[in-house]
């Protein structure tokens, strides 16, 4: 479990990028923005995501205004979830609502991104 967590942190550190205003969705940016959510989505962060996590969720949401962008977010995060078995679907499915968002993107490893 510790090795998976360390590998995830290493991957995200490597992919660390700054989002430019007006830039369309970028998978590496999404991973970076959602990094603060890691403890919450693997069940170590309690029942409420951190404010940093929710800020990241909002950044990903704002970088995906179109259906095509939201599908790209979904595919990106679906692939991420497949690589980390500790990610809990119940936590990922509640993340948006807990951060006050209603427009959906998801990162379950089994989600259908075309709907």
PDB file of N, CA and C in Angstrom:
ATOM      1  N   UNK A   1       0.830  -1.182   0.000  1.00  0.00           N
ATOM      2  CA  UNK A   1       0.000   0.000   0.000  1.00  0.00           C
ATOM      3  C   UNK A   1       0.878   1.250   0.000  1.00  0.00           C
ATOM      4  N   UNK A   2       1.906   1.239   0.809  1.00  0.00           N
ATOM      5  CA  UNK A   2       2.794   2.397   0.883  1.00  0.00           C
ATOM      6  C   UNK A   2       3.498   2.614  -0.453  1.00  0.00           C
ATOM      7  N   UNK A   3       3.896   1.525  -1.126  1.00  0.00           N
ATOM      8  CA  UNK A   3       4.575   1.646  -2.417  1.00  0.00           C
ATOM      9  C   UNK A   3       3.671   2.254  -3.485  1.00  0.00           C
ATOM     10  N   UNK A   4       2.395   1.886  -3.471  1.00  0.00           N
ATOM     11  CA  UNK A   4       1.440   2.449  -4.430  1.00  0.00           C
ATOM     12  C   UNK A   4       1.296   3.943  -4.187  1.00  0.00           C
ATOM     13  N   UNK A   5       1.187   4.326  -2.923  1.00  0.00           N
ATOM     14  CA  UNK A   5       1.045   5.734  -2.569  1.00  0.00           C
ATOM     15  C   UNK A   5       2.282   6.526  -2.994  1.00  0.00           C
ATOM     16  N   UNK A   6       3.454   5.978  -2.734  1.00  0.00           N
ATOM     17  CA  UNK A   6       4.705   6.649  -3.112  1.00  0.00           C
ATOM     18  C   UNK A   6       4.808   6.758  -4.628  1.00  0.00           C
ATOM     19  N   UNK A   7       4.422   5.702  -5.344  1.00  0.00           N
ATOM     20  CA  UNK A   7       4.457   5.742  -6.812  1.00  0.00           C
ATOM     21  C   UNK A   7       3.510   6.806  -7.344  1.00  0.00           C
ATOM     22  N   UNK A   8       2.336   6.909  -6.737  1.00  0.00           N
ATOM     23  CA  UNK A   8       1.366   7.915  -7.161  1.00  0.00           C
ATOM     24  C   UNK A   8       1.911   9.322  -6.926  1.00  0.00           C
ATOM     25  N   UNK A   9       2.480   9.543  -5.765  1.00  0.00           N
ATOM     26  CA  UNK A   9       3.054  10.852  -5.456  1.00  0.00           C
ATOM     27  C   UNK A   9       4.190  11.194  -6.416  1.00  0.00           C
ATOM     28  N   UNK A  10       5.008  10.220  -6.725  1.00  0.00           N
ATOM     29  CA  UNK A  10       6.116  10.442  -7.656  1.00  0.00           C
ATOM     30  C   UNK A  10       5.592  10.808  -9.035  1.00  0.00           C
ATOM     31  N   UNK A  11       4.593  10.061  -9.506  1.00  0.00           N
ATOM     32  CA  UNK A  11       3.999  10.347 -10.812  1.00  0.00           C
ATOM     33  C   UNK A  11       3.441  11.760 -10.858  1.00  0.00           C
ATOM     34  N   UNK A  12       2.719  12.143  -9.832  1.00  0.00           N
ATOM     35  CA  UNK A  12       2.132  13.472  -9.825  1.00  0.00           C
ATOM     36  C   UNK A  12       3.185  14.569  -9.731  1.00  0.00           C
ATOM     37  N   UNK A  13       4.237  14.318  -8.988  1.00  0.00           N
ATOM     38  CA  UNK A  13       5.321  15.305  -8.897  1.00  0.00           C
ATOM     39  C   UNK A  13       5.966  15.513 -10.263  1.00  0.00           C
ATOM     40  N   UNK A  14       6.143  14.442 -10.997  1.00  0.00           N
ATOM     41  CA  UNK A  14       6.734  14.534 -12.340  1.00  0.00           C
ATOM     42  C   UNK A  14       5.821  15.305 -13.279  1.00  0.00           C
ATOM     43  N   UNK A  15       4.511  15.108 -13.123  1.00  0.00           N
ATOM     44  CA  UNK A  15       3.536  15.718 -14.029  1.00  0.00           C
ATOM     45  C   UNK A  15       3.116  17.126 -13.615  1.00  0.00           C
ATOM     46  N   UNK A  16       3.747  17.665 -12.585  1.00  0.00           N
ATOM     47  CA  UNK A  16       3.396  18.976 -12.044  1.00  0.00           C
ATOM     48  C   UNK A  16       3.506  20.058 -13.122  1.00  0.00           C
ATOM     49  N   UNK A  17       2.370  20.688 -13.432  1.00  0.00           N
ATOM     50  CA  UNK A  17       2.306  21.759 -14.422  1.00  0.00           C
ATOM     51  C   UNK A  17       1.410  22.867 -13.893  1.00  0.00           C
ATOM     52  N   UNK A  18       1.573  24.054 -14.414  1.00  0.00           N
ATOM     53  CA  UNK A  18       0.725  25.181 -14.046  1.00  0.00           C
ATOM     54  C   UNK A  18      -0.283  25.402 -15.169  1.00  0.00           C
ATOM     55  N   UNK A  19      -1.544  25.549 -14.802  1.00  0.00           N
ATOM     56  CA  UNK A  19      -2.591  25.779 -15.792  1.00  0.00           C
ATOM     57  C   UNK A  19      -2.529  27.225 -16.258  1.00  0.00           C
ATOM     58  N   UNK A  20      -2.581  27.400 -17.558  1.00  0.00           N
ATOM     59  CA  UNK A  20      -2.601  28.744 -18.136  1.00  0.00           C
ATOM     60  C   UNK A  20      -4.045  29.177 -18.351  1.00  0.00           C
ATOM     61  N   UNK A  21      -4.368  30.447 -18.093  1.00  0.00           N
ATOM     62  CA  UNK A  21      -5.726  30.919 -18.328  1.00  0.00           C
ATOM     63  C   UNK A  21      -6.134  30.699 -19.784  1.00  0.00           C
ATOM     64  N   UNK A  22      -7.370  30.247 -19.985  1.00  0.00           N
ATOM     65  CA  UNK A  22      -7.884  30.041 -21.325  1.00  0.00           C
ATOM     66  C   UNK A  22      -7.435  28.743 -21.960  1.00  0.00           C
ATOM     67  N   UNK A  23      -6.641  27.985 -21.282  1.00  0.00           N
ATOM     68  CA  UNK A  23      -6.139  26.733 -21.811  1.00  0.00           C
ATOM     69  C   UNK A  23      -7.224  25.672 -21.696  1.00  0.00           C
ATOM     70  N   UNK A  24      -7.378  24.826 -22.715  1.00  0.00           N
ATOM     71  CA  UNK A  24      -8.374  23.770 -22.648  1.00  0.00           C
ATOM     72  C   UNK A  24      -7.866  22.638 -21.764  1.00  0.00           C
ATOM     73  N   UNK A  25      -8.709  21.656 -21.555  1.00  0.00           N
ATOM     74  CA  UNK A  25      -8.395  20.559 -20.651  1.00  0.00           C
ATOM     75  C   UNK A  25      -7.085  19.873 -21.005  1.00  0.00           C
ATOM     76  N   UNK A  26      -6.332  19.554 -19.958  1.00  0.00           N
ATOM     77  CA  UNK A  26      -5.073  18.836 -20.082  1.00  0.00           C
ATOM     78  C   UNK A  26      -5.030  17.796 -18.969  1.00  0.00           C
ATOM     79  N   UNK A  27      -4.808  16.533 -19.326  1.00  0.00           N
ATOM     80  CA  UNK A  27      -4.834  15.443 -18.350  1.00  0.00           C
ATOM     81  C   UNK A  27      -3.779  15.630 -17.260  1.00  0.00           C
ATOM     82  N   UNK A  28      -2.607  16.049 -17.634  1.00  0.00           N
ATOM     83  CA  UNK A  28      -1.557  16.255 -16.633  1.00  0.00           C
ATOM     84  C   UNK A  28      -1.955  17.335 -15.632  1.00  0.00           C
ATOM     85  N   UNK A  29      -2.591  18.389 -16.119  1.00  0.00           N
ATOM     86  CA  UNK A  29      -3.064  19.445 -15.221  1.00  0.00           C
ATOM     87  C   UNK A  29      -4.124  18.907 -14.262  1.00  0.00           C
ATOM     88  N   UNK A  30      -5.026  18.088 -14.786  1.00  0.00           N
ATOM     89  CA  UNK A  30      -6.089  17.527 -13.942  1.00  0.00           C
ATOM     90  C   UNK A  30      -5.490  16.682 -12.832  1.00  0.00           C
ATOM     91  N   UNK A  31      -4.535  15.862 -13.166  1.00  0.00           N
ATOM     92  CA  UNK A  31      -3.882  15.038 -12.143  1.00  0.00           C
ATOM     93  C   UNK A  31      -3.237  15.920 -11.078  1.00  0.00           C
ATOM     94  N   UNK A  32      -2.584  16.970 -11.527  1.00  0.00           N
ATOM     95  CA  UNK A  32      -1.933  17.885 -10.597  1.00  0.00           C
ATOM     96  C   UNK A  32      -2.956  18.556  -9.676  1.00  0.00           C
ATOM     97  N   UNK A  33      -4.047  19.023 -10.250  1.00  0.00           N
ATOM     98  CA  UNK A  33      -5.073  19.704  -9.456  1.00  0.00           C
ATOM     99  C   UNK A  33      -5.745  18.770  -8.458  1.00  0.00           C
ATOM    100  N   UNK A  34      -5.856  17.504  -8.811  1.00  0.00           N
ATOM    101  CA  UNK A  34      -6.543  16.561  -7.933  1.00  0.00           C
ATOM    102  C   UNK A  34      -5.614  15.877  -6.930  1.00  0.00           C
ATOM    103  N   UNK A  35      -4.334  16.148  -7.010  1.00  0.00           N
ATOM    104  CA  UNK A  35      -3.383  15.570  -6.076  1.00  0.00           C
ATOM    105  C   UNK A  35      -3.774  15.784  -4.612  1.00  0.00           C
ATOM    106  N   UNK A  36      -4.247  16.981  -4.218  1.00  0.00           N
ATOM    107  CA  UNK A  36      -4.639  17.172  -2.818  1.00  0.00           C
ATOM    108  C   UNK A  36      -5.826  16.305  -2.384  1.00  0.00           C
ATOM    109  N   UNK A  37      -6.498  15.665  -3.338  1.00  0.00           N
ATOM    110  CA  UNK A  37      -7.646  14.816  -3.024  1.00  0.00           C
ATOM    111  C   UNK A  37      -7.241  13.380  -2.703  1.00  0.00           C
ATOM    112  N   UNK A  38      -5.985  13.047  -2.873  1.00  0.00           N
ATOM    113  CA  UNK A  38      -5.545  11.663  -2.745  1.00  0.00           C
ATOM    114  C   UNK A  38      -5.951  11.039  -1.418  1.00  0.00           C
ATOM    115  N   UNK A  39      -5.671  11.694  -0.305  1.00  0.00           N
ATOM    116  CA  UNK A  39      -6.031  11.112   0.993  1.00  0.00           C
ATOM    117  C   UNK A  39      -7.530  10.874   1.109  1.00  0.00           C
ATOM    118  N   UNK A  40      -8.325  11.806   0.614  1.00  0.00           N
ATOM    119  CA  UNK A  40      -9.774  11.640   0.676  1.00  0.00           C
ATOM    120  C   UNK A  40     -10.225  10.448  -0.166  1.00  0.00           C
ATOM    121  N   UNK A  41      -9.752  10.339  -1.402  1.00  0.00           N
ATOM    122  CA  UNK A  41     -10.270   9.300  -2.300  1.00  0.00           C
ATOM    123  C   UNK A  41      -9.745   7.900  -1.995  1.00  0.00           C
ATOM    124  N   UNK A  42      -8.716   7.789  -1.169  1.00  0.00           N
ATOM    125  CA  UNK A  42      -8.313   6.449  -0.738  1.00  0.00           C
ATOM    126  C   UNK A  42      -8.799   6.154   0.679  1.00  0.00           C
ATOM    127  N   UNK A  43      -9.568   7.067   1.248  1.00  0.00           N
ATOM    128  CA  UNK A  43     -10.199   6.828   2.525  1.00  0.00           C
ATOM    129  C   UNK A  43      -9.392   7.220   3.743  1.00  0.00           C
ATOM    130  N   UNK A  44      -8.326   7.972   3.560  1.00  0.00           N
ATOM    131  CA  UNK A  44      -7.506   8.385   4.696  1.00  0.00           C
ATOM    132  C   UNK A  44      -7.793   9.804   5.151  1.00  0.00           C
ATOM    133  N   UNK A  45      -8.635  10.511   4.414  1.00  0.00           N
ATOM    134  CA  UNK A  45      -8.850  11.922   4.697  1.00  0.00           C
ATOM    135  C   UNK A  45     -10.147  12.250   5.389  1.00  0.00           C
ATOM    136  N   UNK A  46     -10.793  11.283   5.996  1.00  0.00           N
ATOM    137  CA  UNK A  46     -12.044  11.563   6.684  1.00  0.00           C
ATOM    138  C   UNK A  46     -13.219  11.640   5.725  1.00  0.00           C
ATOM    139  N   UNK A  47     -14.288  12.276   6.194  1.00  0.00           N
ATOM    140  CA  UNK A  47     -15.530  12.347   5.428  1.00  0.00           C
ATOM    141  C   UNK A  47     -15.654  13.588   4.562  1.00  0.00           C
ATOM    142  N   UNK A  48     -14.715  14.508   4.695  1.00  0.00           N
ATOM    143  CA  UNK A  48     -14.800  15.761   3.957  1.00  0.00           C
ATOM    144  C   UNK A  48     -13.483  16.031   3.240  1.00  0.00           C
ATOM    145  N   UNK A  49     -13.536  16.307   1.928  1.00  0.00           N
ATOM    146  CA  UNK A  49     -12.300  16.660   1.221  1.00  0.00           C
ATOM    147  C   UNK A  49     -11.765  18.007   1.708  1.00  0.00           C
ATOM    148  N   UNK A  50     -10.473  18.184   1.612  1.00  0.00           N
ATOM    149  CA  UNK A  50      -9.846  19.437   2.047  1.00  0.00           C
ATOM    150  C   UNK A  50     -10.228  20.581   1.110  1.00  0.00           C
ATOM    151  N   UNK A  51     -10.017  21.803   1.581  1.00  0.00           N
ATOM    152  CA  UNK A  51     -10.289  22.964   0.726  1.00  0.00           C
ATOM    153  C   UNK A  51      -9.356  22.966  -0.481  1.00  0.00           C
ATOM    154  N   UNK A  52      -8.110  22.508  -0.306  1.00  0.00           N
ATOM    155  CA  UNK A  52      -7.177  22.421  -1.438  1.00  0.00           C
ATOM    156  C   UNK A  52      -7.692  21.433  -2.476  1.00  0.00           C
ATOM    157  N   UNK A  53      -8.239  20.311  -1.994  1.00  0.00           N
ATOM    158  CA  UNK A  53      -8.826  19.320  -2.898  1.00  0.00           C
ATOM    159  C   UNK A  53      -9.979  19.943  -3.673  1.00  0.00           C
ATOM    160  N   UNK A  54     -10.893  20.585  -2.975  1.00  0.00           N
ATOM    161  CA  UNK A  54     -12.058  21.188  -3.646  1.00  0.00           C
ATOM    162  C   UNK A  54     -11.639  22.291  -4.609  1.00  0.00           C
ATOM    163  N   UNK A  55     -10.609  23.050  -4.272  1.00  0.00           N
ATOM    164  CA  UNK A  55     -10.100  24.048  -5.220  1.00  0.00           C
ATOM    165  C   UNK A  55      -9.594  23.363  -6.487  1.00  0.00           C
ATOM    166  N   UNK A  56      -8.928  22.226  -6.331  1.00  0.00           N
ATOM    167  CA  UNK A  56      -8.453  21.462  -7.485  1.00  0.00           C
ATOM    168  C   UNK A  56      -9.599  20.914  -8.310  1.00  0.00           C
ATOM    169  N   UNK A  57     -10.630  20.414  -7.645  1.00  0.00           N
ATOM    170  CA  UNK A  57     -11.816  19.907  -8.344  1.00  0.00           C
ATOM    171  C   UNK A  57     -12.453  21.035  -9.151  1.00  0.00           C
ATOM    172  N   UNK A  58     -12.557  22.207  -8.553  1.00  0.00           N
ATOM    173  CA  UNK A  58     -13.132  23.362  -9.265  1.00  0.00           C
ATOM    174  C   UNK A  58     -12.268  23.758 -10.466  1.00  0.00           C
ATOM    175  N   UNK A  59     -10.955  23.684 -10.312  1.00  0.00           N
ATOM    176  CA  UNK A  59     -10.055  24.012 -11.428  1.00  0.00           C
ATOM    177  C   UNK A  59     -10.245  23.032 -12.577  1.00  0.00           C
ATOM    178  N   UNK A  60     -10.368  21.748 -12.262  1.00  0.00           N
ATOM    179  CA  UNK A  60     -10.602  20.745 -13.313  1.00  0.00           C
ATOM    180  C   UNK A  60     -11.955  20.995 -13.960  1.00  0.00           C
ATOM    181  N   UNK A  61     -12.957  21.283 -13.156  1.00  0.00           N
ATOM    182  CA  UNK A  61     -14.284  21.566 -13.693  1.00  0.00           C
ATOM    183  C   UNK A  61     -14.257  22.767 -14.633  1.00  0.00           C
ATOM    184  N   UNK A  62     -13.565  23.831 -14.237  1.00  0.00           N
ATOM    185  CA  UNK A  62     -13.529  25.030 -15.082  1.00  0.00           C
ATOM    186  C   UNK A  62     -12.684  24.828 -16.340  1.00  0.00           C
ATOM    187  N   UNK A  63     -11.785  23.842 -16.316  1.00  0.00           N
ATOM    188  CA  UNK A  63     -10.971  23.580 -17.504  1.00  0.00           C
ATOM    189  C   UNK A  63     -11.672  22.635 -18.478  1.00  0.00           C
ATOM    190  N   UNK A  64     -12.891  22.243 -18.142  1.00  0.00           N
ATOM    191  CA  UNK A  64     -13.618  21.306 -19.000  1.00  0.00           C
ATOM    192  C   UNK A  64     -15.045  21.784 -19.252  1.00  0.00           C
ATOM    193  N   UNK A  65     -15.191  22.902 -19.963  1.00  0.00           N
ATOM    194  CA  UNK A  65     -16.518  23.481 -20.159  1.00  0.00           C
ATOM    195  C   UNK A  65     -17.391  22.745 -21.183  1.00  0.00           C
ATOM    196  N   UNK A  66     -16.784  22.003 -22.094  1.00  0.00           N
ATOM    197  CA  UNK A  66     -17.563  21.355 -23.143  1.00  0.00           C
ATOM    198  C   UNK A  66     -17.751  19.868 -22.836  1.00  0.00           C
ATOM    199  N   UNK A  67     -18.706  19.263 -23.522  1.00  0.00           N
ATOM    200  CA  UNK A  67     -18.926  17.823 -23.378  1.00  0.00           C
ATOM    201  C   UNK A  67     -17.675  17.061 -23.767  1.00  0.00           C
ATOM    202  N   UNK A  68     -17.011  17.475 -24.818  1.00  0.00           N
ATOM    203  CA  UNK A  68     -15.771  16.820 -25.248  1.00  0.00           C
ATOM    204  C   UNK A  68     -14.706  16.907 -24.161  1.00  0.00           C
ATOM    205  N   UNK A  69     -14.572  18.072 -23.547  1.00  0.00           N
ATOM    206  CA  UNK A  69     -13.604  18.240 -22.459  1.00  0.00           C
ATOM    207  C   UNK A  69     -13.959  17.348 -21.270  1.00  0.00           C
ATOM    208  N   UNK A  70     -15.246  17.305 -20.909  1.00  0.00           N
ATOM    209  CA  UNK A  70     -15.660  16.483 -19.765  1.00  0.00           C
ATOM    210  C   UNK A  70     -15.421  15.001 -20.038  1.00  0.00           C
ATOM    211  N   UNK A  71     -15.617  14.584 -21.276  1.00  0.00           N
ATOM    212  CA  UNK A  71     -15.307  13.192 -21.625  1.00  0.00           C
ATOM    213  C   UNK A  71     -13.809  12.932 -21.531  1.00  0.00           C
ATOM    214  N   UNK A  72     -13.022  13.917 -21.911  1.00  0.00           N
ATOM    215  CA  UNK A  72     -11.562  13.783 -21.807  1.00  0.00           C
ATOM    216  C   UNK A  72     -11.145  13.697 -20.344  1.00  0.00           C
ATOM    217  N   UNK A  73     -11.762  14.504 -19.478  1.00  0.00           N
ATOM    218  CA  UNK A  73     -11.491  14.425 -18.044  1.00  0.00           C
ATOM    219  C   UNK A  73     -11.830  13.028 -17.547  1.00  0.00           C
ATOM    220  N   UNK A  74     -12.987  12.551 -17.918  1.00  0.00           N
ATOM    221  CA  UNK A  74     -13.442  11.236 -17.494  1.00  0.00           C
ATOM    222  C   UNK A  74     -12.447  10.150 -17.913  1.00  0.00           C
ATOM    223  N   UNK A  75     -12.045  10.149 -19.183  1.00  0.00           N
ATOM    224  CA  UNK A  75     -11.098   9.135 -19.679  1.00  0.00           C
ATOM    225  C   UNK A  75      -9.757   9.235 -18.963  1.00  0.00           C
ATOM    226  N   UNK A  76      -9.277  10.440 -18.770  1.00  0.00           N
ATOM    227  CA  UNK A  76      -8.006  10.664 -18.080  1.00  0.00           C
ATOM    228  C   UNK A  76      -8.052  10.097 -16.672  1.00  0.00           C
ATOM    229  N   UNK A  77      -9.091  10.452 -15.923  1.00  0.00           N
ATOM    230  CA  UNK A  77      -9.183  10.028 -14.535  1.00  0.00           C
ATOM    231  C   UNK A  77      -9.549   8.555 -14.413  1.00  0.00           C
ATOM    232  N   UNK A  78     -10.255   8.029 -15.396  1.00  0.00           N
ATOM    233  CA  UNK A  78     -10.551   6.594 -15.417  1.00  0.00           C
ATOM    234  C   UNK A  78      -9.252   5.798 -15.522  1.00  0.00           C
ATOM    235  N   UNK A  79      -8.368   6.224 -16.400  1.00  0.00           N
ATOM    236  CA  UNK A  79      -7.072   5.555 -16.536  1.00  0.00           C
ATOM    237  C   UNK A  79      -6.251   5.681 -15.257  1.00  0.00           C
ATOM    238  N   UNK A  80      -6.295   6.835 -14.641  1.00  0.00           N
ATOM    239  CA  UNK A  80      -5.597   7.041 -13.374  1.00  0.00           C
ATOM    240  C   UNK A  80      -6.127   6.080 -12.312  1.00  0.00           C
ATOM    241  N   UNK A  81      -7.443   5.976 -12.208  1.00  0.00           N
ATOM    242  CA  UNK A  81      -8.067   5.106 -11.204  1.00  0.00           C
ATOM    243  C   UNK A  81      -7.709   3.638 -11.431  1.00  0.00           C
ATOM    244  N   UNK A  82      -7.592   3.215 -12.687  1.00  0.00           N
ATOM    245  CA  UNK A  82      -7.232   1.827 -12.985  1.00  0.00           C
ATOM    246  C   UNK A  82      -5.865   1.467 -12.424  1.00  0.00           C
ATOM    247  N   UNK A  83      -4.973   2.429 -12.359  1.00  0.00           N
ATOM    248  CA  UNK A  83      -3.626   2.177 -11.886  1.00  0.00           C
ATOM    249  C   UNK A  83      -3.471   2.200 -10.376  1.00  0.00           C
ATOM    250  N   UNK A  84      -4.519   2.597  -9.669  1.00  0.00           N
ATOM    251  CA  UNK A  84      -4.434   2.722  -8.214  1.00  0.00           C
ATOM    252  C   UNK A  84      -5.624   2.037  -7.560  1.00  0.00           C
ATOM    253  N   UNK A  85      -5.438   0.766  -7.196  1.00  0.00           N
ATOM    254  CA  UNK A  85      -6.564  -0.006  -6.646  1.00  0.00           C
ATOM    255  C   UNK A  85      -7.073   0.521  -5.302  1.00  0.00           C
ATOM    256  N   UNK A  86      -6.323   1.375  -4.635  1.00  0.00           N
ATOM    257  CA  UNK A  86      -6.767   1.898  -3.344  1.00  0.00           C
ATOM    258  C   UNK A  86      -7.807   3.010  -3.481  1.00  0.00           C
ATOM    259  N   UNK A  87      -7.982   3.538  -4.690  1.00  0.00           N
ATOM    260  CA  UNK A  87      -8.981   4.583  -4.900  1.00  0.00           C
ATOM    261  C   UNK A  87     -10.367   3.980  -4.703  1.00  0.00           C
ATOM    262  N   UNK A  88     -11.146   4.603  -3.834  1.00  0.00           N
ATOM    263  CA  UNK A  88     -12.477   4.109  -3.493  1.00  0.00           C
ATOM    264  C   UNK A  88     -13.538   4.810  -4.332  1.00  0.00           C
ATOM    265  N   UNK A  89     -14.342   4.004  -5.039  1.00  0.00           N
ATOM    266  CA  UNK A  89     -15.391   4.556  -5.894  1.00  0.00           C
ATOM    267  C   UNK A  89     -16.411   5.369  -5.105  1.00  0.00           C
ATOM    268  N   UNK A  90     -16.710   4.974  -3.869  1.00  0.00           N
ATOM    269  CA  UNK A  90     -17.670   5.741  -3.077  1.00  0.00           C
ATOM    270  C   UNK A  90     -17.142   7.139  -2.783  1.00  0.00           C
ATOM    271  N   UNK A  91     -15.836   7.255  -2.608  1.00  0.00           N
ATOM    272  CA  UNK A  91     -15.232   8.566  -2.342  1.00  0.00           C
ATOM    273  C   UNK A  91     -15.175   9.414  -3.618  1.00  0.00           C
ATOM    274  N   UNK A  92     -14.813   8.800  -4.737  1.00  0.00           N
ATOM    275  CA  UNK A  92     -14.744   9.581  -5.980  1.00  0.00           C
ATOM    276  C   UNK A  92     -16.127  10.030  -6.419  1.00  0.00           C
ATOM    277  N   UNK A  93     -17.131   9.185  -6.202  1.00  0.00           N
ATOM    278  CA  UNK A  93     -18.474   9.571  -6.628  1.00  0.00           C
ATOM    279  C   UNK A  93     -19.068  10.677  -5.759  1.00  0.00           C
ATOM    280  N   UNK A  94     -18.614  10.804  -4.518  1.00  0.00           N
ATOM    281  CA  UNK A  94     -19.143  11.849  -3.645  1.00  0.00           C
ATOM    282  C   UNK A  94     -18.320  13.136  -3.689  1.00  0.00           C
ATOM    283  N   UNK A  95     -17.165  13.081  -4.327  1.00  0.00           N
ATOM    284  CA  UNK A  95     -16.233  14.210  -4.299  1.00  0.00           C
ATOM    285  C   UNK A  95     -16.831  15.500  -4.847  1.00  0.00           C
ATOM    286  N   UNK A  96     -17.463  15.442  -6.004  1.00  0.00           N
ATOM    287  CA  UNK A  96     -18.019  16.654  -6.611  1.00  0.00           C
ATOM    288  C   UNK A  96     -19.080  17.305  -5.735  1.00  0.00           C
ATOM    289  N   UNK A  97     -19.999  16.493  -5.242  1.00  0.00           N
ATOM    290  CA  UNK A  97     -21.053  17.053  -4.395  1.00  0.00           C
ATOM    291  C   UNK A  97     -20.479  17.631  -3.109  1.00  0.00           C
ATOM    292  N   UNK A  98     -19.514  16.956  -2.535  1.00  0.00           N
ATOM    293  CA  UNK A  98     -18.910  17.452  -1.298  1.00  0.00           C
ATOM    294  C   UNK A  98     -18.142  18.751  -1.528  1.00  0.00           C
ATOM    295  N   UNK A  99     -17.728  18.989  -2.773  1.00  0.00           N
ATOM    296  CA  UNK A  99     -17.044  20.241  -3.118  1.00  0.00           C
ATOM    297  C   UNK A  99     -18.013  21.268  -3.690  1.00  0.00           C
ATOM    298  N   UNK A 100     -19.303  20.958  -3.689  1.00  0.00           N
ATOM    299  CA  UNK A 100     -20.310  21.924  -4.110  1.00  0.00           C
ATOM    300  C   UNK A 100     -20.519  22.049  -5.607  1.00  0.00           C
ATOM    301  N   UNK A 101     -20.132  21.036  -6.361  1.00  0.00           N
ATOM    302  CA  UNK A 101     -20.313  21.076  -7.814  1.00  0.00           C
ATOM    303  C   UNK A 101     -21.427  20.138  -8.239  1.00  0.00           C
ATOM    304  N   UNK A 102     -22.135  20.519  -9.287  1.00  0.00           N
ATOM    305  CA  UNK A 102     -23.200  19.653  -9.791  1.00  0.00           C
ATOM    306  C   UNK A 102     -22.875  19.081 -11.165  1.00  0.00           C
ATOM    307  N   UNK A 103     -22.036  19.754 -11.938  1.00  0.00           N
ATOM    308  CA  UNK A 103     -21.671  19.222 -13.260  1.00  0.00           C
ATOM    309  C   UNK A 103     -20.726  18.052 -13.033  1.00  0.00           C
ATOM    310  N   UNK A 104     -20.981  16.959 -13.697  1.00  0.00           N
ATOM    311  CA  UNK A 104     -20.257  15.728 -13.360  1.00  0.00           C
ATOM    312  C   UNK A 104     -19.058  15.459 -14.251  1.00  0.00           C
ATOM    313  N   UNK A 105     -17.972  15.130 -13.613  1.00  0.00           N
ATOM    314  CA  UNK A 105     -16.908  14.340 -14.206  1.00  0.00           C
ATOM    315  C   UNK A 105     -16.616  13.286 -13.168  1.00  0.00           C
ATOM    316  N   UNK A 106     -16.109  12.170 -13.583  1.00  0.00           N
ATOM    317  CA  UNK A 106     -15.936  11.074 -12.649  1.00  0.00           C
ATOM    318  C   UNK A 106     -14.596  10.418 -12.855  1.00  0.00           C
ATOM    319  N   UNK A 107     -14.139   9.671 -11.858  1.00  0.00           N
ATOM    320  CA  UNK A 107     -12.948   8.902 -12.100  1.00  0.00           C
ATOM    321  C   UNK A 107     -12.995   7.526 -11.466  1.00  0.00           C
ATOM    322  N   UNK A 108     -14.104   6.896 -11.633  1.00  0.00           N
ATOM    323  CA  UNK A 108     -14.207   5.477 -11.313  1.00  0.00           C
ATOM    324  C   UNK A 108     -13.512   4.691 -12.415  1.00  0.00           C
ATOM    325  N   UNK A 109     -12.919   3.580 -12.062  1.00  0.00           N
ATOM    326  CA  UNK A 109     -12.241   2.773 -13.081  1.00  0.00           C
ATOM    327  C   UNK A 109     -13.217   2.077 -14.007  1.00  0.00           C
ATOM    328  N   UNK A 110     -14.509   2.070 -13.667  1.00  0.00           N
ATOM    329  CA  UNK A 110     -15.526   1.385 -14.466  1.00  0.00           C
ATOM    330  C   UNK A 110     -16.537   2.321 -15.114  1.00  0.00           C
ATOM    331  N   UNK A 111     -16.339   3.626 -15.016  1.00  0.00           N
ATOM    332  CA  UNK A 111     -17.325   4.579 -15.524  1.00  0.00           C
ATOM    333  C   UNK A 111     -17.381   4.566 -17.053  1.00  0.00           C
ATOM    334  N   UNK A 112     -18.569   4.801 -17.594  1.00  0.00           N
ATOM    335  CA  UNK A 112     -18.745   4.947 -19.033  1.00  0.00           C
ATOM    336  C   UNK A 112     -18.621   6.435 -19.348  1.00  0.00           C
ATOM    337  N   UNK A 113     -17.559   6.822 -19.979  1.00  0.00           N
ATOM    338  CA  UNK A 113     -17.270   8.241 -20.233  1.00  0.00           C
ATOM    339  C   UNK A 113     -18.059   8.828 -21.410  1.00  0.00           C
ATOM    340  N   UNK A 114     -18.810   8.018 -22.104  1.00  0.00           N
ATOM    341  CA  UNK A 114     -19.548   8.515 -23.258  1.00  0.00           C
ATOM    342  C   UNK A 114     -20.961   8.988 -22.906  1.00  0.00           C
ATOM    343  N   UNK A 115     -21.345   8.833 -21.642  1.00  0.00           N
ATOM    344  CA  UNK A 115     -22.705   9.251 -21.255  1.00  0.00           C
ATOM    345  C   UNK A 115     -22.698  10.642 -20.683  1.00  0.00           C
TER     346      UNK A 115
END
